[in-house]
Structure formats: structure tokens, C-alpha cells
Protein backbone atom coordinates (compact mmCIF):
# COMPACT_ATOMS: atom_id res chain seq x y z
CA UNK A 1 154.86 126.34 39.91
CA UNK A 2 151.93 128.30 41.29
CA UNK A 3 151.95 132.09 41.34
CA UNK A 4 151.77 132.05 45.14
CA UNK A 5 154.94 129.93 45.31
CA UNK A 6 156.61 132.23 42.79
CA UNK A 7 155.64 135.25 44.88
CA UNK A 8 157.03 133.62 48.01
CA UNK A 9 160.26 132.99 46.12
CA UNK A 10 160.39 136.59 44.78
CA UNK A 11 159.36 138.30 48.01
CA UNK A 12 162.85 139.04 49.33
CA UNK A 13 163.95 140.32 45.92
CA UNK A 14 160.92 142.62 45.65
CA UNK A 15 161.15 144.03 49.18
CA UNK A 16 164.92 144.44 49.40
CA UNK A 17 167.04 147.47 48.54
CA UNK A 18 164.17 149.66 47.33
CA UNK A 19 163.72 147.93 43.99
CA UNK A 20 160.15 149.18 43.87
CA UNK A 21 159.61 152.86 44.53
CA UNK A 22 156.56 154.54 46.03
CA UNK A 23 155.07 155.48 42.64
CA UNK A 24 155.31 151.98 41.19
CA UNK A 25 153.79 150.37 44.29
CA UNK A 26 150.95 152.92 44.18
CA UNK A 27 150.32 152.14 40.50
CA UNK A 28 150.23 148.40 41.20
CA UNK A 29 147.86 148.83 44.16
CA UNK A 30 145.59 151.13 42.14
CA UNK A 31 145.56 148.76 39.19
CA UNK A 32 144.63 145.82 41.43
CA UNK A 33 141.94 147.94 43.09
CA UNK A 34 140.40 149.58 40.02
CA UNK A 35 140.69 146.82 37.44
CA UNK A 36 140.07 143.98 39.91
CA UNK A 37 138.13 145.33 42.91
CA UNK A 38 137.51 141.73 43.97
CA UNK A 39 141.28 141.41 44.50
CA UNK A 40 141.82 144.64 46.45
CA UNK A 41 138.89 146.51 47.97
CA UNK A 42 139.02 150.30 48.40
CA UNK A 43 139.76 149.83 52.10
CA UNK A 44 142.62 147.41 51.42
CA UNK A 45 144.05 149.69 48.72
CA UNK A 46 144.05 152.64 51.12
CA UNK A 47 145.91 150.54 53.70
CA UNK A 48 148.60 149.53 51.19
CA UNK A 49 148.98 153.13 49.97
CA UNK A 50 149.16 154.72 53.46
CA UNK A 51 152.27 156.95 53.46
CA UNK A 52 152.48 156.76 57.27
CA UNK A 53 153.74 153.17 57.02
CA UNK A 54 157.11 152.46 55.43
CA UNK A 55 157.12 151.32 51.82
CA UNK A 56 158.85 148.08 52.84
CA UNK A 57 156.11 147.29 55.37
CA UNK A 58 153.28 148.11 52.95
CA UNK A 59 154.82 146.05 50.18
CA UNK A 60 155.50 143.08 52.48
CA UNK A 61 151.94 143.26 53.81
CA UNK A 62 150.53 143.48 50.27
CA UNK A 63 152.47 140.43 49.10
CA UNK A 64 151.44 138.39 52.16
CA UNK A 65 147.83 139.50 51.71
CA UNK A 66 147.80 138.38 48.07
CA UNK A 67 149.37 135.02 48.97
CA UNK A 68 146.62 134.37 51.51
CA UNK A 69 143.95 135.18 48.93
CA UNK A 70 145.17 132.63 46.40
CA UNK A 71 146.80 132.00 43.08
CA UNK A 72 144.66 134.28 40.91
CA UNK A 73 145.42 137.26 43.17
CA UNK A 74 149.15 136.54 42.93
CA UNK A 75 148.88 136.16 39.16
CA UNK A 76 147.23 139.59 38.86
CA UNK A 77 150.02 141.09 40.96
CA UNK A 78 152.56 139.74 38.46
CA UNK A 79 150.51 141.15 35.59
CA UNK A 80 150.43 144.58 37.29
CA UNK A 81 154.15 144.36 38.00
CA UNK A 82 154.89 143.53 34.37
CA UNK A 83 152.83 146.51 33.16
CA UNK A 84 154.25 149.01 35.67
CA UNK A 85 157.85 147.80 36.10
CA UNK A 86 158.72 145.57 33.16
CA UNK A 87 162.49 145.57 33.69
CA UNK A 88 162.09 144.56 37.33
CA UNK A 89 159.57 141.90 36.29
CA UNK A 90 162.11 140.47 33.84
CA UNK A 91 164.79 140.40 36.58
CA UNK A 92 162.69 138.40 39.08
CA UNK A 93 164.43 135.30 40.46
CA UNK A 94 161.41 133.15 39.57
CA UNK A 95 161.63 134.31 35.93
CA UNK A 96 165.25 133.23 35.75
CA UNK A 97 164.25 129.74 36.94
CA UNK A 98 161.56 129.56 34.26
């Protein structure tokens, strides 16, 4: 199963009931931007960290953005999620299927 399909499967879980807080989302965005600037440019990172938009909206937009970019981008999101929120990563629906 591709990482993009996994992300599509996990999207509701990740965006529902505030599983990811502001700090964790910021860490993930910064990691994707600083470690892999080809995945998230500075401009894109600023957009996904903008406190004027709700966390749910920013997270949904980030996940959709990564899915459009391709499998490697989705894979790096999972890597960042595992580093910054390991328990949540382990609880993902797609991990239970695997």
C-alpha cells in the first residue's frame, strides 16, 4: 500500500478530535521544511503554520498538499510523525492493518 493511500486512510483519524496539537503540527511542518525543503518550501511551511487558520484546516490542507505531491512526500510525513508523536503514529489505523 502506498504512503499516499495510507495517508488518505489515516486522514480522518489524524484530523479528528484534536489528536495532534499545535506544537506537534508545527514540529512536523518545520521538520519537513528544514530537513526536506524540496517537500515543503518556506512559503508553504508558513502557510501551514499560520495561527490565523484553525489547526484542523491547516492539518487537512497539509495532508492534501502532501498527497498531491506524491508518495515520497507522504512517506516523509509519516517519518516526521513517528519522530514527533510516536504514540499517535503507533495508533494509526493504517498501522493496525499492517
